[in-house]
N, C-alpha and C. Protein backbone atom coordinates (compact mmCIF):
# COMPACT_ATOMS: atom_id res chain seq x y z
N UNK A 1 18.78 18.72 -43.84
CA UNK A 1 19.56 17.99 -42.83
C UNK A 1 20.08 16.69 -43.46
N UNK A 2 21.38 16.45 -43.33
CA UNK A 2 21.99 15.28 -43.96
C UNK A 2 21.59 13.99 -43.25
N UNK A 3 21.75 12.89 -43.97
CA UNK A 3 21.43 11.57 -43.41
C UNK A 3 22.30 11.28 -42.19
N UNK A 4 23.56 11.69 -42.24
CA UNK A 4 24.48 11.45 -41.13
C UNK A 4 24.03 12.15 -39.87
N UNK A 5 23.55 13.39 -39.98
CA UNK A 5 23.07 14.14 -38.82
C UNK A 5 21.84 13.47 -38.23
N UNK A 6 20.93 13.04 -39.10
CA UNK A 6 19.71 12.37 -38.64
C UNK A 6 20.05 11.10 -37.88
N UNK A 7 20.97 10.32 -38.41
CA UNK A 7 21.38 9.08 -37.74
C UNK A 7 21.99 9.39 -36.38
N UNK A 8 22.81 10.44 -36.32
CA UNK A 8 23.45 10.82 -35.05
C UNK A 8 22.41 11.21 -34.01
N UNK A 9 21.38 11.95 -34.43
CA UNK A 9 20.32 12.37 -33.50
C UNK A 9 19.56 11.15 -32.97
N UNK A 10 19.27 10.23 -33.87
CA UNK A 10 18.55 9.01 -33.46
C UNK A 10 19.36 8.22 -32.45
N UNK A 11 20.64 8.08 -32.69
CA UNK A 11 21.52 7.35 -31.78
C UNK A 11 21.54 8.01 -30.41
N UNK A 12 21.63 9.34 -30.37
CA UNK A 12 21.65 10.07 -29.10
C UNK A 12 20.35 9.84 -28.33
N UNK A 13 19.22 9.91 -29.03
CA UNK A 13 17.92 9.70 -28.40
C UNK A 13 17.82 8.30 -27.81
N UNK A 14 18.30 7.31 -28.54
CA UNK A 14 18.27 5.92 -28.05
C UNK A 14 19.13 5.76 -26.82
N UNK A 15 20.31 6.35 -26.83
CA UNK A 15 21.22 6.25 -25.68
C UNK A 15 20.61 6.92 -24.46
N UNK A 16 20.03 8.11 -24.65
CA UNK A 16 19.42 8.82 -23.52
C UNK A 16 18.23 8.03 -22.96
N UNK A 17 17.42 7.44 -23.83
CA UNK A 17 16.27 6.64 -23.37
C UNK A 17 16.73 5.44 -22.57
N UNK A 18 17.80 4.79 -23.04
CA UNK A 18 18.32 3.63 -22.32
C UNK A 18 18.87 4.03 -20.95
N UNK A 19 19.57 5.18 -20.92
CA UNK A 19 20.12 5.65 -19.65
C UNK A 19 19.00 5.97 -18.65
N UNK A 20 17.94 6.63 -19.13
CA UNK A 20 16.82 6.99 -18.26
C UNK A 20 16.13 5.74 -17.73
N UNK A 21 15.98 4.73 -18.59
CA UNK A 21 15.35 3.48 -18.14
C UNK A 21 16.19 2.81 -17.07
N UNK A 22 17.50 2.83 -17.23
CA UNK A 22 18.39 2.23 -16.24
C UNK A 22 18.26 2.91 -14.89
N UNK A 23 18.21 4.24 -14.92
CA UNK A 23 18.09 5.00 -13.68
C UNK A 23 16.76 4.72 -13.00
N UNK A 24 15.69 4.64 -13.80
CA UNK A 24 14.37 4.40 -13.24
C UNK A 24 14.28 3.03 -12.57
N UNK A 25 14.93 2.04 -13.13
CA UNK A 25 14.84 0.68 -12.60
C UNK A 25 15.85 0.41 -11.50
N UNK A 26 16.87 1.25 -11.36
CA UNK A 26 17.91 1.02 -10.37
C UNK A 26 17.39 1.36 -8.98
N UNK A 27 17.60 0.47 -7.97
CA UNK A 27 17.19 0.80 -6.60
C UNK A 27 17.82 2.11 -6.16
N UNK A 28 17.02 2.98 -5.61
CA UNK A 28 17.52 4.27 -5.17
C UNK A 28 17.50 5.31 -6.26
N UNK A 29 17.09 4.91 -7.50
CA UNK A 29 17.02 5.85 -8.60
C UNK A 29 15.77 6.69 -8.52
N UNK A 30 15.31 7.18 -9.67
CA UNK A 30 14.12 8.02 -9.66
C UNK A 30 12.92 7.25 -9.12
N UNK A 31 12.82 5.94 -9.45
CA UNK A 31 11.72 5.14 -8.92
C UNK A 31 11.74 5.10 -7.41
N UNK A 32 12.93 4.93 -6.83
CA UNK A 32 13.06 4.89 -5.38
C UNK A 32 12.69 6.20 -4.74
N UNK A 33 13.12 7.31 -5.33
CA UNK A 33 12.78 8.61 -4.77
C UNK A 33 11.28 8.86 -4.85
N UNK A 34 10.67 8.40 -5.93
CA UNK A 34 9.23 8.56 -6.07
C UNK A 34 8.50 7.77 -4.99
N UNK A 35 8.93 6.55 -4.73
CA UNK A 35 8.31 5.74 -3.68
C UNK A 35 8.53 6.38 -2.31
N UNK A 36 9.71 6.92 -2.09
CA UNK A 36 9.98 7.56 -0.80
C UNK A 36 9.08 8.77 -0.58
N UNK A 37 8.87 9.55 -1.64
CA UNK A 37 7.97 10.70 -1.51
C UNK A 37 6.55 10.25 -1.23
N UNK A 38 6.14 9.17 -1.85
CA UNK A 38 4.76 8.71 -1.68
C UNK A 38 4.54 8.11 -0.30
N UNK A 39 5.45 7.28 0.17
CA UNK A 39 5.22 6.54 1.41
C UNK A 39 5.80 7.22 2.64
N UNK A 40 6.74 8.15 2.46
CA UNK A 40 7.28 8.90 3.60
C UNK A 40 7.87 8.01 4.69
N UNK A 41 7.44 8.20 5.95
CA UNK A 41 7.98 7.42 7.07
C UNK A 41 7.78 5.91 6.90
N UNK A 42 6.74 5.50 6.16
CA UNK A 42 6.51 4.08 5.93
C UNK A 42 7.63 3.48 5.08
N UNK A 43 8.15 4.25 4.14
CA UNK A 43 9.30 3.79 3.35
C UNK A 43 10.48 3.52 4.28
N UNK A 44 10.75 4.46 5.18
CA UNK A 44 11.87 4.30 6.11
C UNK A 44 11.67 3.10 7.03
N UNK A 45 10.43 2.87 7.46
CA UNK A 45 10.15 1.73 8.34
C UNK A 45 10.41 0.41 7.62
N UNK A 46 9.93 0.32 6.37
CA UNK A 46 10.13 -0.91 5.60
C UNK A 46 11.61 -1.09 5.28
N UNK A 47 12.31 0.00 5.01
CA UNK A 47 13.75 -0.07 4.73
C UNK A 47 14.50 -0.62 5.95
N UNK A 48 14.12 -0.17 7.15
CA UNK A 48 14.78 -0.70 8.36
C UNK A 48 14.48 -2.19 8.52
N UNK A 49 13.26 -2.58 8.23
CA UNK A 49 12.89 -3.99 8.37
C UNK A 49 13.66 -4.87 7.40
N UNK A 50 14.03 -4.29 6.26
CA UNK A 50 14.83 -5.03 5.28
C UNK A 50 16.33 -4.75 5.45
N UNK A 51 16.71 -4.24 6.62
CA UNK A 51 18.13 -3.99 6.95
C UNK A 51 18.83 -3.13 5.91
N UNK A 52 18.11 -2.11 5.43
CA UNK A 52 18.72 -1.16 4.50
C UNK A 52 18.74 -1.60 3.05
N UNK A 53 18.10 -2.70 2.73
CA UNK A 53 18.06 -3.21 1.36
C UNK A 53 17.01 -2.43 0.56
N UNK A 54 17.46 -1.47 -0.25
CA UNK A 54 16.52 -0.63 -1.00
C UNK A 54 15.77 -1.42 -2.07
N UNK A 55 16.43 -2.40 -2.65
CA UNK A 55 15.77 -3.19 -3.69
C UNK A 55 14.58 -3.96 -3.11
N UNK A 56 14.79 -4.60 -1.95
CA UNK A 56 13.70 -5.35 -1.32
C UNK A 56 12.59 -4.41 -0.85
N UNK A 57 13.00 -3.23 -0.34
CA UNK A 57 12.02 -2.24 0.12
C UNK A 57 11.13 -1.77 -1.02
N UNK A 58 11.75 -1.41 -2.13
CA UNK A 58 10.99 -0.90 -3.26
C UNK A 58 10.14 -1.99 -3.92
N UNK A 59 10.62 -3.22 -3.87
CA UNK A 59 9.82 -4.33 -4.39
C UNK A 59 8.55 -4.50 -3.57
N UNK A 60 8.69 -4.44 -2.23
CA UNK A 60 7.52 -4.61 -1.36
C UNK A 60 6.53 -3.47 -1.55
N UNK A 61 7.02 -2.23 -1.59
CA UNK A 61 6.13 -1.09 -1.71
C UNK A 61 5.48 -1.04 -3.10
N UNK A 62 6.22 -1.43 -4.11
CA UNK A 62 5.64 -1.49 -5.46
C UNK A 62 4.53 -2.53 -5.52
N UNK A 63 4.71 -3.63 -4.81
CA UNK A 63 3.69 -4.66 -4.76
C UNK A 63 2.44 -4.15 -4.04
N UNK A 64 2.63 -3.35 -2.99
CA UNK A 64 1.48 -2.74 -2.32
C UNK A 64 0.70 -1.85 -3.28
N UNK A 65 1.42 -1.07 -4.05
CA UNK A 65 0.75 -0.20 -5.02
C UNK A 65 -0.05 -1.04 -6.02
N UNK A 66 0.56 -2.11 -6.49
CA UNK A 66 -0.12 -2.96 -7.47
C UNK A 66 -1.41 -3.54 -6.90
N UNK A 67 -1.38 -3.94 -5.63
CA UNK A 67 -2.53 -4.60 -5.02
C UNK A 67 -3.61 -3.64 -4.55
N UNK A 68 -3.21 -2.44 -4.07
CA UNK A 68 -4.18 -1.60 -3.37
C UNK A 68 -4.44 -0.22 -3.99
N UNK A 69 -3.68 0.16 -5.00
CA UNK A 69 -3.88 1.51 -5.55
C UNK A 69 -5.26 1.65 -6.18
N UNK A 70 -5.79 0.55 -6.69
CA UNK A 70 -7.10 0.61 -7.33
C UNK A 70 -8.27 0.47 -6.38
N UNK A 71 -8.00 0.42 -5.08
CA UNK A 71 -9.07 0.27 -4.10
C UNK A 71 -10.01 1.48 -4.17
N UNK A 72 -11.30 1.21 -4.23
CA UNK A 72 -12.30 2.28 -4.27
C UNK A 72 -12.88 2.46 -2.88
N UNK A 73 -12.67 3.62 -2.30
CA UNK A 73 -13.17 3.88 -0.95
C UNK A 73 -14.64 4.27 -1.00
N UNK A 74 -15.31 4.01 0.12
CA UNK A 74 -16.73 4.36 0.23
C UNK A 74 -16.89 5.64 1.05
N UNK A 75 -17.70 6.58 0.60
CA UNK A 75 -17.99 7.76 1.43
C UNK A 75 -18.87 7.37 2.60
N UNK A 76 -18.65 7.99 3.75
CA UNK A 76 -19.47 7.71 4.92
C UNK A 76 -20.80 8.44 4.83
N UNK A 77 -21.90 7.79 5.20
CA UNK A 77 -23.16 8.53 5.33
C UNK A 77 -23.00 9.62 6.39
N UNK A 78 -23.75 10.68 6.25
CA UNK A 78 -23.65 11.80 7.18
C UNK A 78 -23.85 11.35 8.62
N UNK A 79 -24.84 10.49 8.86
CA UNK A 79 -25.12 10.05 10.22
C UNK A 79 -23.94 9.28 10.80
N UNK A 80 -23.33 8.41 9.99
CA UNK A 80 -22.18 7.65 10.46
C UNK A 80 -21.01 8.57 10.78
N UNK A 81 -20.82 9.60 9.95
CA UNK A 81 -19.74 10.56 10.19
C UNK A 81 -19.94 11.28 11.53
N UNK A 82 -21.17 11.69 11.80
CA UNK A 82 -21.47 12.37 13.06
C UNK A 82 -21.26 11.45 14.26
N UNK A 83 -21.67 10.19 14.10
CA UNK A 83 -21.53 9.25 15.21
C UNK A 83 -20.07 8.92 15.49
N UNK A 84 -19.27 8.75 14.44
CA UNK A 84 -17.84 8.51 14.64
C UNK A 84 -17.19 9.70 15.33
N UNK A 85 -17.56 10.90 14.92
CA UNK A 85 -17.01 12.10 15.54
C UNK A 85 -17.35 12.17 17.02
N UNK A 86 -18.60 11.86 17.35
CA UNK A 86 -19.03 11.88 18.75
C UNK A 86 -18.31 10.82 19.57
N UNK A 87 -18.10 9.66 18.98
CA UNK A 87 -17.43 8.59 19.70
C UNK A 87 -15.96 8.90 19.92
N UNK A 88 -15.33 9.58 18.96
CA UNK A 88 -13.93 9.98 19.16
C UNK A 88 -13.83 11.01 20.29
N UNK A 89 -14.76 11.93 20.33
CA UNK A 89 -14.79 12.91 21.42
C UNK A 89 -14.91 12.20 22.76
N UNK A 90 -15.76 11.17 22.82
CA UNK A 90 -15.93 10.41 24.06
C UNK A 90 -14.64 9.69 24.44
N UNK A 91 -13.93 9.14 23.47
CA UNK A 91 -12.66 8.46 23.73
C UNK A 91 -11.67 9.42 24.38
N UNK A 92 -11.59 10.63 23.84
CA UNK A 92 -10.65 11.61 24.39
C UNK A 92 -11.02 11.99 25.82
N UNK A 93 -12.30 12.07 26.10
CA UNK A 93 -12.73 12.41 27.45
C UNK A 93 -12.46 11.26 28.42
N UNK A 94 -12.58 10.01 27.92
CA UNK A 94 -12.30 8.84 28.77
C UNK A 94 -10.82 8.73 29.11
N UNK A 95 -9.98 9.34 28.28
CA UNK A 95 -8.53 9.20 28.46
C UNK A 95 -8.08 9.68 29.84
N UNK A 96 -8.72 10.70 30.36
CA UNK A 96 -8.31 11.27 31.65
C UNK A 96 -8.36 10.22 32.75
N UNK A 97 -9.41 9.40 32.76
CA UNK A 97 -9.58 8.42 33.82
C UNK A 97 -8.95 7.07 33.51
N UNK A 98 -8.85 6.72 32.22
CA UNK A 98 -8.33 5.40 31.84
C UNK A 98 -7.58 5.50 30.52
N UNK A 99 -6.31 5.94 30.56
CA UNK A 99 -5.55 6.16 29.33
C UNK A 99 -5.41 4.90 28.46
N UNK A 100 -5.04 3.77 29.07
CA UNK A 100 -4.82 2.55 28.29
C UNK A 100 -6.11 2.09 27.61
N UNK A 101 -7.21 2.13 28.36
CA UNK A 101 -8.49 1.72 27.79
C UNK A 101 -8.91 2.65 26.67
N UNK A 102 -8.72 3.94 26.86
CA UNK A 102 -9.11 4.92 25.84
C UNK A 102 -8.28 4.72 24.56
N UNK A 103 -6.99 4.42 24.71
CA UNK A 103 -6.16 4.20 23.53
C UNK A 103 -6.61 2.96 22.78
N UNK A 104 -6.99 1.92 23.51
CA UNK A 104 -7.54 0.72 22.87
C UNK A 104 -8.83 1.01 22.13
N UNK A 105 -9.68 1.84 22.74
CA UNK A 105 -10.94 2.22 22.08
C UNK A 105 -10.66 3.01 20.80
N UNK A 106 -9.67 3.90 20.86
CA UNK A 106 -9.32 4.70 19.69
C UNK A 106 -8.80 3.80 18.57
N UNK A 107 -7.98 2.83 18.92
CA UNK A 107 -7.44 1.89 17.94
C UNK A 107 -8.58 1.14 17.24
N UNK A 108 -9.52 0.63 18.03
CA UNK A 108 -10.66 -0.08 17.46
C UNK A 108 -11.54 0.83 16.61
N UNK A 109 -11.71 2.07 17.06
CA UNK A 109 -12.55 3.02 16.34
C UNK A 109 -11.97 3.33 14.96
N UNK A 110 -10.65 3.53 14.90
CA UNK A 110 -10.02 3.83 13.61
C UNK A 110 -10.09 2.61 12.69
N UNK A 111 -9.88 1.43 13.26
CA UNK A 111 -9.99 0.21 12.45
C UNK A 111 -11.39 0.08 11.85
N UNK A 112 -12.42 0.30 12.67
CA UNK A 112 -13.80 0.20 12.18
C UNK A 112 -14.09 1.27 11.13
N UNK A 113 -13.58 2.48 11.37
CA UNK A 113 -13.79 3.57 10.42
C UNK A 113 -13.14 3.23 9.08
N UNK A 114 -11.91 2.73 9.12
CA UNK A 114 -11.22 2.37 7.88
C UNK A 114 -11.97 1.26 7.14
N UNK A 115 -12.49 0.30 7.89
CA UNK A 115 -13.25 -0.78 7.26
C UNK A 115 -14.53 -0.26 6.61
N UNK A 116 -15.21 0.68 7.31
CA UNK A 116 -16.41 1.27 6.73
C UNK A 116 -16.10 2.10 5.49
N UNK A 117 -14.88 2.61 5.42
CA UNK A 117 -14.47 3.38 4.23
C UNK A 117 -14.08 2.47 3.07
N UNK A 118 -13.97 1.13 3.35
CA UNK A 118 -13.66 0.19 2.28
C UNK A 118 -12.31 -0.48 2.37
N UNK A 119 -11.55 -0.19 3.44
CA UNK A 119 -10.23 -0.81 3.60
C UNK A 119 -10.35 -2.18 4.26
N UNK A 120 -9.40 -3.07 4.02
CA UNK A 120 -9.44 -4.38 4.68
C UNK A 120 -9.36 -4.23 6.20
N UNK A 121 -9.98 -5.17 6.93
CA UNK A 121 -9.92 -5.16 8.38
C UNK A 121 -8.54 -5.55 8.88
N UNK A 122 -8.26 -5.25 10.15
CA UNK A 122 -6.94 -5.49 10.72
C UNK A 122 -6.57 -6.97 10.70
N UNK A 123 -7.56 -7.86 10.83
CA UNK A 123 -7.28 -9.29 10.88
C UNK A 123 -6.92 -9.86 9.51
N UNK A 124 -7.11 -9.10 8.46
CA UNK A 124 -6.86 -9.60 7.12
C UNK A 124 -5.38 -9.64 6.77
N UNK A 125 -4.56 -8.88 7.51
CA UNK A 125 -3.15 -8.79 7.18
C UNK A 125 -2.83 -7.75 6.13
N UNK A 126 -3.87 -7.16 5.52
CA UNK A 126 -3.67 -6.15 4.48
C UNK A 126 -4.08 -4.76 4.96
N UNK A 127 -4.50 -4.66 6.20
CA UNK A 127 -5.04 -3.41 6.74
C UNK A 127 -4.06 -2.26 6.60
N UNK A 128 -2.88 -2.41 7.17
CA UNK A 128 -1.91 -1.32 7.16
C UNK A 128 -1.30 -1.13 5.77
N UNK A 129 -1.14 -2.22 5.02
CA UNK A 129 -0.59 -2.09 3.67
C UNK A 129 -1.50 -1.22 2.80
N UNK A 130 -2.81 -1.50 2.85
CA UNK A 130 -3.75 -0.72 2.03
C UNK A 130 -3.80 0.73 2.48
N UNK A 131 -3.80 0.95 3.79
CA UNK A 131 -3.82 2.33 4.30
C UNK A 131 -2.54 3.07 3.89
N UNK A 132 -1.42 2.36 3.85
CA UNK A 132 -0.16 3.02 3.49
C UNK A 132 -0.18 3.55 2.06
N UNK A 133 -0.93 2.90 1.20
CA UNK A 133 -1.02 3.35 -0.20
C UNK A 133 -1.86 4.61 -0.32
N UNK A 134 -2.90 4.73 0.49
CA UNK A 134 -3.84 5.86 0.35
C UNK A 134 -3.70 6.92 1.44
N UNK A 135 -3.12 6.57 2.58
CA UNK A 135 -3.01 7.53 3.69
C UNK A 135 -1.65 7.40 4.38
N UNK A 136 -0.59 7.40 3.58
CA UNK A 136 0.75 7.16 4.12
C UNK A 136 1.19 8.25 5.09
N UNK A 137 0.73 9.47 4.88
CA UNK A 137 1.24 10.60 5.67
C UNK A 137 1.02 10.42 7.16
N UNK A 138 -0.12 9.83 7.55
CA UNK A 138 -0.44 9.71 8.97
C UNK A 138 -0.44 8.26 9.47
N UNK A 139 -0.01 7.34 8.62
CA UNK A 139 -0.07 5.93 9.02
C UNK A 139 0.83 5.63 10.21
N UNK A 140 2.02 6.24 10.26
CA UNK A 140 2.96 5.90 11.33
C UNK A 140 2.39 6.22 12.70
N UNK A 141 1.63 7.32 12.82
CA UNK A 141 1.03 7.66 14.11
C UNK A 141 -0.01 6.65 14.53
N UNK A 142 -0.85 6.24 13.59
CA UNK A 142 -1.86 5.23 13.88
C UNK A 142 -1.20 3.89 14.20
N UNK A 143 -0.16 3.53 13.46
CA UNK A 143 0.52 2.25 13.70
C UNK A 143 1.14 2.23 15.11
N UNK A 144 1.75 3.34 15.51
CA UNK A 144 2.33 3.41 16.86
C UNK A 144 1.26 3.23 17.92
N UNK A 145 0.12 3.90 17.75
CA UNK A 145 -0.97 3.77 18.71
C UNK A 145 -1.49 2.34 18.75
N UNK A 146 -1.59 1.71 17.59
CA UNK A 146 -2.06 0.33 17.50
C UNK A 146 -1.12 -0.61 18.25
N UNK A 147 0.18 -0.39 18.09
CA UNK A 147 1.15 -1.26 18.76
C UNK A 147 1.14 -1.07 20.27
N UNK A 148 1.02 0.17 20.72
CA UNK A 148 0.96 0.43 22.16
C UNK A 148 -0.32 -0.14 22.75
N UNK A 149 -1.43 0.05 22.03
CA UNK A 149 -2.71 -0.48 22.51
C UNK A 149 -2.67 -2.01 22.60
N UNK A 150 -1.97 -2.64 21.67
CA UNK A 150 -1.88 -4.09 21.65
C UNK A 150 -1.06 -4.65 22.80
N UNK A 151 -0.17 -3.82 23.33
CA UNK A 151 0.65 -4.29 24.46
C UNK A 151 -0.10 -4.23 25.78
N UNK A 152 -1.20 -3.49 25.79
CA UNK A 152 -1.97 -3.37 27.03
C UNK A 152 -1.25 -2.53 28.06
N UNK A 153 -1.52 -2.82 29.32
CA UNK A 153 -0.92 -2.06 30.43
C UNK A 153 0.46 -2.63 30.74
N UNK A 154 1.46 -2.23 29.92
CA UNK A 154 2.81 -2.78 30.07
C UNK A 154 3.78 -1.80 30.69
N UNK A 155 3.26 -0.78 31.32
CA UNK A 155 4.12 0.21 31.93
C UNK A 155 4.37 1.43 31.06
N UNK A 156 3.75 1.48 29.89
CA UNK A 156 3.88 2.67 29.05
C UNK A 156 3.33 3.87 29.79
N UNK A 157 4.07 4.97 29.77
CA UNK A 157 3.67 6.15 30.53
C UNK A 157 2.42 6.78 29.95
N UNK A 158 1.70 7.51 30.80
CA UNK A 158 0.50 8.21 30.35
C UNK A 158 0.84 9.22 29.25
N UNK A 159 1.98 9.87 29.37
CA UNK A 159 2.37 10.85 28.37
C UNK A 159 2.62 10.18 27.01
N UNK A 160 3.24 9.01 27.02
CA UNK A 160 3.46 8.29 25.76
C UNK A 160 2.14 7.91 25.12
N UNK A 161 1.19 7.47 25.94
CA UNK A 161 -0.12 7.10 25.41
C UNK A 161 -0.86 8.32 24.90
N UNK A 162 -0.72 9.45 25.61
CA UNK A 162 -1.37 10.68 25.15
C UNK A 162 -0.82 11.10 23.79
N UNK A 163 0.51 11.06 23.64
CA UNK A 163 1.12 11.43 22.37
C UNK A 163 0.70 10.48 21.25
N UNK A 164 0.59 9.19 21.59
CA UNK A 164 0.15 8.21 20.59
C UNK A 164 -1.27 8.50 20.14
N UNK A 165 -2.12 8.88 21.08
CA UNK A 165 -3.51 9.17 20.73
C UNK A 165 -3.62 10.44 19.88
N UNK A 166 -2.79 11.41 20.18
CA UNK A 166 -2.79 12.64 19.39
C UNK A 166 -2.35 12.34 17.95
N UNK A 167 -1.31 11.51 17.80
CA UNK A 167 -0.84 11.16 16.46
C UNK A 167 -1.89 10.33 15.70
N UNK A 168 -2.54 9.43 16.42
CA UNK A 168 -3.56 8.60 15.78
C UNK A 168 -4.74 9.45 15.34
N UNK A 169 -5.00 10.54 16.05
CA UNK A 169 -6.12 11.41 15.70
C UNK A 169 -5.98 11.98 14.29
N UNK A 170 -4.74 12.17 13.85
CA UNK A 170 -4.53 12.69 12.50
C UNK A 170 -5.06 11.71 11.45
N UNK A 171 -4.86 10.41 11.68
CA UNK A 171 -5.40 9.42 10.76
C UNK A 171 -6.92 9.39 10.83
N UNK A 172 -7.46 9.47 12.04
CA UNK A 172 -8.91 9.50 12.20
C UNK A 172 -9.51 10.68 11.42
N UNK A 173 -8.93 11.85 11.56
CA UNK A 173 -9.46 13.03 10.90
C UNK A 173 -9.36 12.91 9.38
N UNK A 174 -8.26 12.32 8.90
CA UNK A 174 -8.12 12.19 7.45
C UNK A 174 -9.17 11.22 6.90
N UNK A 175 -9.41 10.13 7.62
CA UNK A 175 -10.41 9.16 7.17
C UNK A 175 -11.82 9.72 7.26
N UNK A 176 -12.09 10.51 8.29
CA UNK A 176 -13.45 11.02 8.49
C UNK A 176 -13.78 12.14 7.51
N UNK A 177 -12.75 12.88 7.08
CA UNK A 177 -12.99 14.02 6.21
C UNK A 177 -12.90 13.68 4.73
N UNK A 178 -12.18 12.62 4.39
CA UNK A 178 -11.99 12.28 2.98
C UNK A 178 -13.34 11.99 2.31
N UNK A 179 -13.53 12.55 1.15
CA UNK A 179 -14.76 12.34 0.36
C UNK A 179 -16.02 12.82 1.07
N UNK A 180 -15.88 13.79 1.97
CA UNK A 180 -17.06 14.28 2.70
C UNK A 180 -18.10 14.85 1.74
N UNK A 181 -17.64 15.38 0.61
CA UNK A 181 -18.58 15.97 -0.34
C UNK A 181 -19.41 14.91 -1.07
N UNK A 182 -18.98 13.64 -0.96
CA UNK A 182 -19.73 12.56 -1.60
C UNK A 182 -20.61 11.79 -0.62
N UNK A 183 -20.65 12.26 0.63
CA UNK A 183 -21.38 11.52 1.66
C UNK A 183 -22.88 11.49 1.36
N UNK A 184 -23.49 10.29 1.40
CA UNK A 184 -24.95 10.22 1.23
C UNK A 184 -25.65 10.81 2.44
N UNK A 185 -26.88 11.26 2.25
CA UNK A 185 -27.63 11.84 3.36
C UNK A 185 -28.06 10.75 4.32
N UNK A 186 -28.53 11.14 5.49
CA UNK A 186 -28.95 10.18 6.50
C UNK A 186 -30.02 9.22 5.98
N UNK A 187 -30.95 9.73 5.19
CA UNK A 187 -32.04 8.86 4.73
C UNK A 187 -31.56 7.80 3.75
N UNK A 188 -30.34 8.03 3.16
CA UNK A 188 -29.80 7.05 2.23
C UNK A 188 -28.87 6.06 2.90
N UNK A 189 -28.59 6.27 4.17
CA UNK A 189 -27.63 5.42 4.87
C UNK A 189 -28.20 4.03 5.09
N UNK A 190 -27.32 3.03 5.02
CA UNK A 190 -27.71 1.65 5.31
C UNK A 190 -27.72 1.48 6.82
N UNK A 191 -28.85 1.24 7.45
CA UNK A 191 -28.91 1.16 8.91
C UNK A 191 -28.08 0.04 9.48
N UNK A 192 -27.79 -0.99 8.69
CA UNK A 192 -26.99 -2.09 9.22
C UNK A 192 -25.53 -1.70 9.36
N UNK A 193 -25.11 -0.61 8.68
CA UNK A 193 -23.72 -0.18 8.77
C UNK A 193 -23.51 0.82 9.88
N UNK A 194 -24.55 1.21 10.58
CA UNK A 194 -24.43 2.16 11.66
C UNK A 194 -24.45 1.44 12.99
N UNK A 195 -23.73 1.94 13.93
CA UNK A 195 -23.67 1.31 15.24
C UNK A 195 -24.82 1.84 16.08
N UNK A 196 -25.84 1.00 16.30
CA UNK A 196 -27.02 1.44 17.04
C UNK A 196 -26.70 1.75 18.48
N UNK A 197 -25.58 1.23 18.97
CA UNK A 197 -25.24 1.47 20.37
C UNK A 197 -24.44 2.73 20.58
N UNK A 198 -24.10 3.43 19.53
CA UNK A 198 -23.28 4.64 19.68
C UNK A 198 -24.09 5.76 20.30
N UNK A 199 -23.41 6.54 21.11
CA UNK A 199 -24.06 7.69 21.72
C UNK A 199 -24.27 8.76 20.67
N UNK A 200 -25.45 9.38 20.69
CA UNK A 200 -25.72 10.48 19.76
C UNK A 200 -25.63 11.80 20.51
N UNK A 201 -25.00 12.75 19.86
CA UNK A 201 -24.84 14.07 20.47
C UNK A 201 -25.37 15.10 19.49
N UNK A 202 -25.47 16.37 19.98
CA UNK A 202 -25.95 17.42 19.11
C UNK A 202 -24.81 17.96 18.26
N UNK A 203 -25.07 19.01 17.52
CA UNK A 203 -24.09 19.51 16.56
C UNK A 203 -22.82 20.00 17.22
N UNK A 204 -22.87 20.25 18.53
CA UNK A 204 -21.67 20.74 19.19
C UNK A 204 -20.58 19.69 19.27
N UNK A 205 -20.89 18.44 18.98
CA UNK A 205 -19.88 17.39 19.02
C UNK A 205 -18.75 17.68 18.03
N UNK A 206 -19.10 18.23 16.87
CA UNK A 206 -18.08 18.54 15.89
C UNK A 206 -17.12 19.60 16.41
N UNK A 207 -17.64 20.59 17.18
CA UNK A 207 -16.78 21.63 17.71
C UNK A 207 -15.87 21.09 18.79
N UNK A 208 -16.29 19.99 19.44
CA UNK A 208 -15.49 19.40 20.51
C UNK A 208 -14.53 18.36 19.97
N UNK A 209 -14.42 18.28 18.64
CA UNK A 209 -13.70 17.19 17.99
C UNK A 209 -12.28 17.03 18.53
N UNK A 210 -11.60 18.12 18.80
CA UNK A 210 -10.23 18.03 19.28
C UNK A 210 -10.18 17.72 20.77
N UNK A 211 -11.21 17.99 21.48
CA UNK A 211 -11.40 17.51 22.84
C UNK A 211 -10.32 17.89 23.82
N UNK A 212 -10.30 17.08 24.90
CA UNK A 212 -9.40 17.34 26.01
C UNK A 212 -7.96 17.25 25.59
N UNK A 213 -7.61 16.27 24.73
CA UNK A 213 -6.22 16.09 24.35
C UNK A 213 -5.71 17.26 23.56
N UNK A 214 -6.56 17.80 22.67
CA UNK A 214 -6.13 18.94 21.88
C UNK A 214 -5.78 20.14 22.73
N UNK A 215 -6.56 20.33 23.82
CA UNK A 215 -6.30 21.48 24.69
C UNK A 215 -5.03 21.29 25.48
N UNK A 216 -4.64 20.00 25.70
CA UNK A 216 -3.47 19.75 26.51
C UNK A 216 -2.23 19.51 25.70
N UNK A 217 -2.35 19.60 24.36
CA UNK A 217 -1.24 19.20 23.49
C UNK A 217 0.02 20.02 23.72
N UNK A 218 -0.11 21.29 24.04
CA UNK A 218 1.07 22.07 24.28
C UNK A 218 1.41 22.12 25.74
């Protein structure tokens, strides 16, 4: 192979590498598509908040990744997992008589569950950002339920609250099931991390996990 051909190949490789780098760094390029795939509806929400500015959107989401991607989650002890499941079942049953109160209880329950898994608490300001990095697929449902619960009894219809609770349940289930194979046994659980006031139920609580709302979903 002649020297001229080798030089030509090197030049082509350099040009292609430069072009690829430009595309990766350009808002809406491959980097943007990658962020959109990762964050899903959360990407669209942030984009709307930035009035369609993709550069600002991708900067914010990239910063979230930098801050929270390395977060190490904690597996739930088996006893805590069972108690959270039983309490969620109770929330769904309470919904029939008091929808707004039940939605507020569900919001608090998911927040506590996320904190026990190692995520920042809601008051920290990083709660939803950290969850968006690790559980983006169901964050929008939980966020909607959180916002409705925060408004209290503002005239939101029972059906809207029911739908919000159903969507929030997807986040609850993802948090409760993640790393289940790493869960320590009951005897290894830290008793200070368990809610002594929680109602304990038998093994049938897991079968009732979808509860009243699941039966009424269609």
